[in-house]
Amino acid sequence: MLIDISTASPPFKVSQKRVSEELKVRMGGRPAIGRMIESVSNNSGIDSRYFVIPDGEENAASKFFTDKNSYLRPDTKTRMIVYEFWSKNLSIEAVEKLLNSNNIDPADIERLITISCTGFYAPGIDYFLINNFNIPADVKRTHIGFMGCAASLIGFSSSLEALNTLGKNKNILMVSTEICSIHFQTEPTKDNILANLIFADGSAAALISKETHKPGFQITETASYLFNGSAEYMGWEIGNFGFEMILSQALPKIILEKAMPQLKLILQRFGVKTGDIKYWALHPGGRAILDSIQKGLELTDEEMIPSRTVLKNYGNMSSASILFVIKEIMTGNNIVKGEYCCAVAFGPGLTMEVALLKGT
């Protein structure tokens, strides 16, 4: 079962208005581009986001994309150095909170699942978590990389399979950390404008076990679905100056017309209907995506609150976002035994990942 989730955010909190004004200058200054930035920003559903880069701070002592009065375009290696530093620090912070709040001995962690799509280095995050917390050297490790916003639900699938072999009083530690801000791109394309205005940084750590430490959610079912001929709607490419995002404006329409009917079929296979779901953990990929999901599932505004709250206060932190939403549900509600929670997220491909959780 999913016992608890802890989160960690970078030190730099920036308002969406501040980001918009900065983008207007950095992306060329043309009136048409400025109007597009303003429109996307006003309709993003985001008030503020957290970044590891200090550029959004007006009086920051040093900046990553600025040197005095010149704008910089760091190469991918330079960006990966920043990724390594912050992915370690944010992951450690999230895990430390989780272990301390649940009184978990790291010696009782039998499986470690790490998740990230915004950077690479080896040895990876798992190595540094093992050493920092004295997790057993023979811990079974899985790294889920470059699978985008849906990766944490793929982690749930791996956890569900691992629970069958988990030892008595042993735990699964799952850590999702994304550093999106280092991939800032200034070429004024629609994809770049959208990515610059929704993505953010954050880390979340989840504790999963067969034992019932306290009330939580049991992971009962997971599913994955790949939509054929949809690769152009969402993707990541590694460029010489960071990772380049493919993010089609047609994505909300595809989610409404193709993904939502498929989701209903998946739930039917699980033996539940949309009306049986008490809580919805929907990946806050953007306001338009949440609007499409709400319309497709005929959800109330109240049912959308957890996902819209995370979007408003944190933006889209890729794979970490869905864990922030589930945490919002777990801390903001008195979960009753037998109540269902359905988690849904989308990744490159286009893929849809689904997890059905049940109150214990």
Protein backbone atom coordinates (compact mmCIF):
# COMPACT_ATOMS: atom_id res chain seq x y z
CA MET A 1 0.00 0.00 0.00
CA LEU A 2 0.97 3.64 -0.44
CA ILE A 3 1.78 4.79 3.08
CA ASP A 4 2.89 8.39 2.61
CA ILE A 5 4.40 10.97 0.26
CA SER A 6 6.83 13.78 1.08
CA THR A 7 7.83 16.60 -1.26
CA ALA A 8 10.67 19.09 -1.70
CA SER A 9 10.77 22.33 -3.70
CA PRO A 10 13.72 24.50 -4.81
CA PRO A 11 14.45 27.83 -3.07
CA PHE A 12 13.40 30.18 -5.87
CA LYS A 13 9.66 30.86 -6.07
CA VAL A 14 8.66 32.96 -9.06
CA SER A 15 5.26 34.41 -9.97
CA GLN A 16 3.79 33.60 -13.36
CA LYS A 17 3.49 37.32 -14.08
CA ARG A 18 7.20 37.80 -13.47
CA VAL A 19 8.07 34.89 -15.77
CA SER A 20 5.84 36.28 -18.52
CA GLU A 21 7.47 39.70 -18.45
CA GLU A 22 10.93 38.12 -18.56
CA LEU A 23 9.97 35.87 -21.48
CA LYS A 24 8.69 38.81 -23.53
CA VAL A 25 12.18 40.30 -23.40
CA ARG A 26 14.18 37.09 -23.83
CA MET A 27 12.14 35.63 -26.67
CA GLY A 28 12.61 38.49 -29.11
CA GLY A 29 10.44 41.36 -27.96
CA ARG A 30 8.13 41.24 -31.01
CA PRO A 31 4.52 42.32 -30.27
CA ALA A 32 3.03 39.09 -31.72
CA ILE A 33 5.27 36.94 -29.52
CA GLY A 34 4.44 39.10 -26.51
CA ARG A 35 0.72 38.66 -27.11
CA MET A 36 1.14 34.89 -27.40
CA ILE A 37 3.13 34.77 -24.15
CA GLU A 38 0.50 36.87 -22.40
CA SER A 39 -2.33 34.66 -23.65
CA VAL A 40 -0.65 31.40 -22.63
CA SER A 41 0.29 32.83 -19.23
CA ASN A 42 -3.20 34.16 -18.48
CA ASN A 43 -4.77 30.82 -19.36
CA SER A 44 -2.18 28.57 -17.70
CA GLY A 45 -3.94 28.18 -14.34
CA ILE A 46 -0.56 28.86 -12.67
CA ASP A 47 0.14 31.55 -10.07
CA SER A 48 3.69 30.58 -9.15
CA ARG A 49 6.38 27.95 -9.66
CA TYR A 50 9.63 26.84 -8.02
CA PHE A 51 12.94 26.82 -9.91
CA VAL A 52 16.51 25.80 -9.08
CA ILE A 53 17.77 28.62 -11.28
CA PRO A 54 17.79 32.10 -9.69
CA ASP A 55 17.08 34.07 -12.87
CA GLY A 56 13.53 34.92 -11.83
CA GLU A 57 14.78 36.72 -8.73
CA GLU A 58 15.15 40.42 -9.53
CA ASN A 59 18.14 40.96 -7.25
CA ALA A 60 19.80 37.55 -7.43
CA ALA A 61 23.56 37.64 -6.86
CA SER A 62 24.19 35.25 -9.75
CA LYS A 63 22.09 33.89 -12.59
CA PHE A 64 22.26 30.86 -14.88
CA PHE A 65 20.96 32.31 -18.14
CA THR A 66 22.29 35.85 -17.63
CA ASP A 67 25.77 37.36 -17.29
CA LYS A 68 25.54 41.06 -16.43
CA ASN A 69 23.53 42.45 -19.36
CA SER A 70 24.02 39.50 -21.69
CA TYR A 71 21.72 36.49 -22.07
CA LEU A 72 23.47 33.12 -22.00
CA ARG A 73 22.70 29.84 -23.76
CA PRO A 74 24.46 27.16 -21.67
CA ASP A 75 25.37 23.92 -23.41
CA THR A 76 23.86 20.60 -22.38
CA LYS A 77 26.90 19.59 -20.31
CA THR A 78 26.66 22.78 -18.26
CA ARG A 79 22.96 22.18 -17.68
CA MET A 80 23.62 18.57 -16.61
CA ILE A 81 26.05 19.79 -13.94
CA VAL A 82 23.25 21.86 -12.43
CA TYR A 83 20.85 18.93 -12.82
CA GLU A 84 23.17 16.60 -10.91
CA PHE A 85 23.63 19.03 -8.01
CA TRP A 86 19.95 19.83 -7.54
CA SER A 87 18.54 16.37 -8.25
CA LYS A 88 20.72 15.01 -5.45
CA ASN A 89 19.80 17.76 -3.00
CA LEU A 90 16.05 17.80 -3.64
CA SER A 91 15.85 13.98 -3.60
CA ILE A 92 17.70 13.82 -0.30
CA GLU A 93 15.40 16.46 1.21
CA ALA A 94 12.23 14.64 0.12
CA VAL A 95 13.48 11.24 1.33
CA GLU A 96 14.67 12.62 4.66
CA LYS A 97 11.23 14.13 5.32
CA LEU A 98 9.55 10.85 4.40
CA LEU A 99 11.73 8.60 6.56
CA ASN A 100 11.59 10.93 9.56
CA SER A 101 7.82 11.51 9.48
CA ASN A 102 7.15 7.77 9.24
CA ASN A 103 9.93 6.62 11.60
CA ILE A 104 11.39 4.31 8.93
CA ASP A 105 14.80 2.71 9.34
CA PRO A 106 16.64 2.88 5.98
CA ALA A 107 17.80 -0.68 6.69
CA ASP A 108 14.20 -1.77 6.08
CA ILE A 109 14.15 -0.49 2.48
CA GLU A 110 14.28 -3.51 0.20
CA ARG A 111 13.56 -1.86 -3.14
CA LEU A 112 14.49 1.59 -4.45
CA ILE A 113 12.79 3.09 -7.52
CA THR A 114 14.15 6.38 -8.90
CA ILE A 115 12.43 8.43 -11.60
CA SER A 116 13.56 11.37 -13.72
CA CYS A 117 13.39 12.57 -17.32
CA THR A 118 15.20 15.90 -17.11
CA GLY A 119 18.80 14.71 -16.80
CA PHE A 120 21.35 11.94 -16.66
CA TYR A 121 24.53 11.03 -14.76
CA ALA A 122 26.05 7.80 -13.55
CA PRO A 123 26.21 6.60 -10.88
CA GLY A 124 22.73 8.05 -10.53
CA ILE A 125 20.38 9.34 -7.86
CA ASP A 126 19.94 5.81 -6.48
CA TYR A 127 23.66 5.52 -5.70
CA PHE A 128 23.71 8.77 -3.72
CA LEU A 129 20.50 7.98 -1.83
CA ILE A 130 21.90 4.58 -0.82
CA ASN A 131 25.08 6.16 0.50
CA ASN A 132 23.47 9.19 2.11
CA PHE A 133 20.89 7.19 4.09
CA ASN A 134 22.85 3.95 4.57
CA ILE A 135 20.26 1.98 2.63
CA PRO A 136 21.41 -1.68 2.37
CA ALA A 137 23.97 -2.20 -0.38
CA ASP A 138 21.97 -5.14 -1.74
CA VAL A 139 18.77 -3.09 -2.18
CA LYS A 140 17.01 -3.96 -5.44
CA ARG A 141 17.13 -0.91 -7.72
CA THR A 142 15.06 0.30 -10.67
CA HIS A 143 15.53 3.57 -12.54
CA ILE A 144 12.73 4.87 -14.76
CA GLY A 145 14.24 7.47 -17.07
CA PHE A 146 13.06 9.71 -19.88
CA MET A 147 9.42 8.53 -19.70
CA GLY A 148 7.99 11.95 -19.00
CA CYS A 149 5.08 13.12 -16.89
CA ALA A 150 3.54 9.65 -16.52
CA ALA A 151 6.67 7.97 -15.12
CA SER A 152 5.62 7.93 -11.45
CA LEU A 153 2.56 5.84 -12.31
CA ILE A 154 4.89 3.46 -14.14
CA GLY A 155 6.71 3.40 -10.81
CA PHE A 156 3.44 2.36 -9.17
CA SER A 157 3.21 -0.53 -11.65
CA SER A 158 6.73 -1.63 -10.72
CA SER A 159 5.88 -1.30 -7.04
CA LEU A 160 2.72 -3.37 -7.39
CA GLU A 161 4.73 -6.17 -8.99
CA ALA A 162 7.48 -5.88 -6.36
CA LEU A 163 5.03 -6.15 -3.47
CA ASN A 164 4.57 -9.84 -4.26
CA THR A 165 8.20 -10.55 -3.35
CA LEU A 166 8.69 -7.91 -0.64
CA GLY A 167 9.95 -9.25 2.68
CA LYS A 168 8.03 -8.92 5.96
CA ASN A 169 8.28 -5.40 7.43
CA LYS A 170 10.24 -4.24 4.38
CA ASN A 171 9.50 -1.18 2.27
CA ILE A 172 9.69 0.24 -1.24
CA LEU A 173 11.07 3.76 -1.59
CA MET A 174 10.10 5.57 -4.79
CA VAL A 175 11.67 8.94 -5.60
CA SER A 176 10.71 11.22 -8.50
CA THR A 177 12.82 14.32 -9.13
CA GLU A 178 12.60 16.71 -12.07
CA ILE A 179 14.67 19.80 -12.88
CA CYS A 180 12.80 21.27 -15.85
CA SER A 181 13.98 24.89 -15.55
CA ILE A 182 17.50 24.14 -16.78
CA HIS A 183 16.10 23.35 -20.23
CA PHE A 184 14.80 26.88 -20.83
CA GLN A 185 14.77 27.65 -24.58
CA THR A 186 14.52 31.16 -26.05
CA GLU A 187 13.66 30.44 -29.69
CA PRO A 188 10.12 31.87 -29.93
CA THR A 189 8.26 28.75 -31.05
CA LYS A 190 4.83 27.73 -29.76
CA ASP A 191 6.34 24.62 -28.13
CA ASN A 192 8.98 26.66 -26.29
CA ILE A 193 6.55 29.35 -25.15
CA LEU A 194 4.20 26.72 -23.72
CA ALA A 195 7.02 24.74 -22.06
CA ASN A 196 8.58 27.86 -20.54
CA LEU A 197 5.25 28.88 -19.04
CA ILE A 198 4.14 25.59 -17.45
CA PHE A 199 7.15 23.47 -16.40
CA ALA A 200 8.83 23.72 -13.01
CA ASP A 201 11.12 21.84 -10.60
CA GLY A 202 10.36 19.56 -7.67
CA SER A 203 10.88 16.22 -5.98
CA ALA A 204 8.56 13.72 -4.30
CA ALA A 205 9.31 10.55 -2.33
CA ALA A 206 6.73 7.81 -1.74
CA LEU A 207 6.76 5.01 0.84
CA ILE A 208 5.10 1.75 -0.26
CA SER A 209 4.76 -1.40 1.83
CA LYS A 210 2.69 -4.54 2.39
CA GLU A 211 2.33 -3.53 6.04
CA THR A 212 -0.30 -1.02 7.18
CA HIS A 213 1.72 1.59 9.06
CA LYS A 214 -1.22 4.01 9.06
CA PRO A 215 -4.32 4.72 6.93
CA GLY A 216 -3.44 5.22 3.28
CA PHE A 217 -4.13 3.93 -0.20
CA GLN A 218 -3.67 0.40 -1.46
CA ILE A 219 -2.45 0.23 -5.06
CA THR A 220 -4.95 -2.22 -6.53
CA GLU A 221 -4.59 -1.93 -10.32
CA THR A 222 -2.41 -0.20 -12.91
CA ALA A 223 -2.70 0.11 -16.68
CA SER A 224 -0.81 1.60 -19.61
CA TYR A 225 -2.05 2.58 -23.05
CA LEU A 226 -0.14 3.78 -26.12
CA PHE A 227 -2.04 5.84 -28.70
CA ASN A 228 -0.82 4.92 -32.18
CA GLY A 229 0.44 7.64 -34.48
CA SER A 230 0.70 10.16 -31.66
CA ALA A 231 4.46 10.66 -31.27
CA GLU A 232 4.28 14.22 -32.59
CA TYR A 233 2.01 15.35 -29.75
CA MET A 234 4.53 15.07 -26.90
CA GLY A 235 8.23 14.28 -26.74
CA TRP A 236 11.76 15.13 -25.59
CA GLU A 237 14.82 15.51 -27.80
CA ILE A 238 18.37 16.05 -26.54
CA GLY A 239 19.90 19.13 -28.15
CA ASN A 240 23.29 20.78 -27.88
CA PHE A 241 21.76 23.42 -25.62
CA GLY A 242 19.55 21.38 -23.31
CA PHE A 243 16.55 19.17 -23.92
CA GLU A 244 13.98 20.35 -26.46
CA MET A 245 10.29 19.84 -25.77
CA ILE A 246 7.68 18.75 -28.29
CA LEU A 247 4.29 19.81 -26.94
CA SER A 248 1.46 20.07 -29.42
CA GLN A 249 -1.42 22.49 -28.89
CA ALA A 250 -3.67 19.69 -30.17
CA LEU A 251 -2.92 17.62 -27.05
CA PRO A 252 -6.04 18.68 -25.05
CA LYS A 253 -8.26 17.70 -28.00
CA ILE A 254 -6.57 14.29 -28.31
CA ILE A 255 -6.99 13.70 -24.56
CA LEU A 256 -10.68 14.62 -24.72
CA GLU A 257 -11.57 12.64 -27.84
CA LYS A 258 -9.31 9.58 -27.54
CA ALA A 259 -7.85 9.28 -24.05
CA MET A 260 -11.00 9.79 -21.98
CA PRO A 261 -13.03 7.09 -23.78
CA GLN A 262 -10.07 4.73 -23.37
CA LEU A 263 -9.81 5.59 -19.67
CA LYS A 264 -13.45 4.64 -19.18
CA LEU A 265 -12.76 1.27 -20.81
CA ILE A 266 -9.77 0.73 -18.51
CA LEU A 267 -11.90 1.51 -15.43
CA GLN A 268 -14.55 -0.86 -16.73
CA ARG A 269 -11.87 -3.55 -16.93
CA PHE A 270 -10.98 -2.77 -13.32
CA GLY A 271 -14.63 -3.31 -12.40
CA VAL A 272 -15.41 0.32 -11.51
CA LYS A 273 -17.22 3.25 -13.13
CA THR A 274 -16.31 6.92 -13.00
CA GLY A 275 -19.10 7.41 -10.47
CA ASP A 276 -17.39 4.94 -8.12
CA ILE A 277 -14.28 7.15 -7.86
CA LYS A 278 -14.20 9.41 -4.81
CA TYR A 279 -10.89 11.14 -5.55
CA TRP A 280 -9.22 12.02 -8.84
CA ALA A 281 -5.45 12.53 -9.04
CA LEU A 282 -5.00 14.01 -12.50
CA HIS A 283 -1.62 15.08 -13.80
CA PRO A 284 -1.62 18.92 -13.89
CA GLY A 285 -0.05 19.17 -17.32
CA GLY A 286 -1.74 22.51 -17.88
CA ARG A 287 -5.13 24.14 -17.53
CA ALA A 288 -6.33 23.04 -20.99
CA ILE A 289 -5.41 19.41 -20.28
CA LEU A 290 -7.27 19.46 -16.96
CA ASP A 291 -10.24 21.11 -18.67
CA SER A 292 -10.32 18.28 -21.25
CA ILE A 293 -10.19 15.61 -18.56
CA GLN A 294 -12.92 17.30 -16.55
CA LYS A 295 -15.15 17.57 -19.61
CA GLY A 296 -14.45 14.02 -20.78
CA LEU A 297 -15.19 12.47 -17.38
CA GLU A 298 -17.93 14.96 -16.42
CA LEU A 299 -16.20 15.77 -13.14
CA THR A 300 -17.29 18.50 -10.74
CA ASP A 301 -15.15 21.53 -9.92
CA GLU A 302 -14.71 20.09 -6.42
CA GLU A 303 -13.27 16.86 -7.81
CA MET A 304 -10.70 18.90 -9.74
CA ILE A 305 -9.45 20.87 -6.72
CA PRO A 306 -6.36 18.74 -5.86
CA SER A 307 -4.99 18.81 -9.42
CA ARG A 308 -5.79 22.48 -10.02
CA THR A 309 -4.28 23.43 -6.64
CA VAL A 310 -0.97 21.77 -7.50
CA LEU A 311 -0.99 23.38 -10.95
CA LYS A 312 -1.70 26.80 -9.42
CA ASN A 313 1.02 26.62 -6.76
CA TYR A 314 3.73 24.52 -8.42
CA GLY A 315 3.14 24.32 -12.18
CA ASN A 316 3.95 21.13 -14.07
CA MET A 317 6.89 19.28 -12.46
CA SER A 318 6.73 16.45 -14.97
CA SER A 319 6.78 13.03 -13.25
CA ALA A 320 6.82 14.46 -9.71
CA SER A 321 3.52 16.32 -10.21
CA ILE A 322 1.16 13.37 -9.82
CA LEU A 323 2.74 12.52 -6.45
CA PHE A 324 2.18 16.12 -5.32
CA VAL A 325 -1.50 15.72 -6.29
CA ILE A 326 -1.90 12.41 -4.44
CA LYS A 327 -0.24 13.97 -1.39
CA GLU A 328 -2.73 16.85 -1.62
CA ILE A 329 -5.56 14.29 -1.52
CA MET A 330 -4.06 12.27 1.34
CA THR A 331 -3.35 15.28 3.57
CA GLY A 332 -6.53 17.21 2.75
CA ASN A 333 -9.05 14.42 3.30
CA ASN A 334 -9.96 11.78 5.84
CA ILE A 335 -9.56 8.75 3.58
CA VAL A 336 -12.22 6.16 4.36
CA LYS A 337 -11.62 2.44 3.89
CA GLY A 338 -12.88 1.29 0.51
CA GLU A 339 -12.90 4.73 -1.16
CA TYR A 340 -11.35 4.76 -4.62
CA CYS A 341 -8.80 7.19 -6.00
CA CYS A 342 -7.92 7.13 -9.70
CA ALA A 343 -4.58 8.58 -10.80
CA VAL A 344 -4.05 9.47 -14.47
CA ALA A 345 -1.03 10.92 -16.27
CA PHE A 346 0.25 11.27 -19.83
CA GLY A 347 3.72 10.78 -21.28
CA PRO A 348 5.60 10.90 -24.57
CA GLY A 349 4.26 8.55 -27.15
CA LEU A 350 1.41 9.60 -26.51
CA THR A 351 0.94 7.24 -23.58
CA MET A 352 -1.56 7.20 -20.73
CA GLU A 353 -0.78 5.65 -17.35
CA VAL A 354 -3.54 4.81 -14.86
CA ALA A 355 -3.44 3.64 -11.26
CA LEU A 356 -6.43 2.67 -9.14
CA LEU A 357 -5.96 3.20 -5.41
CA LYS A 358 -8.27 2.10 -2.60
CA GLY A 359 -8.53 3.48 0.91
CA THR A 360 -7.39 1.15 3.72
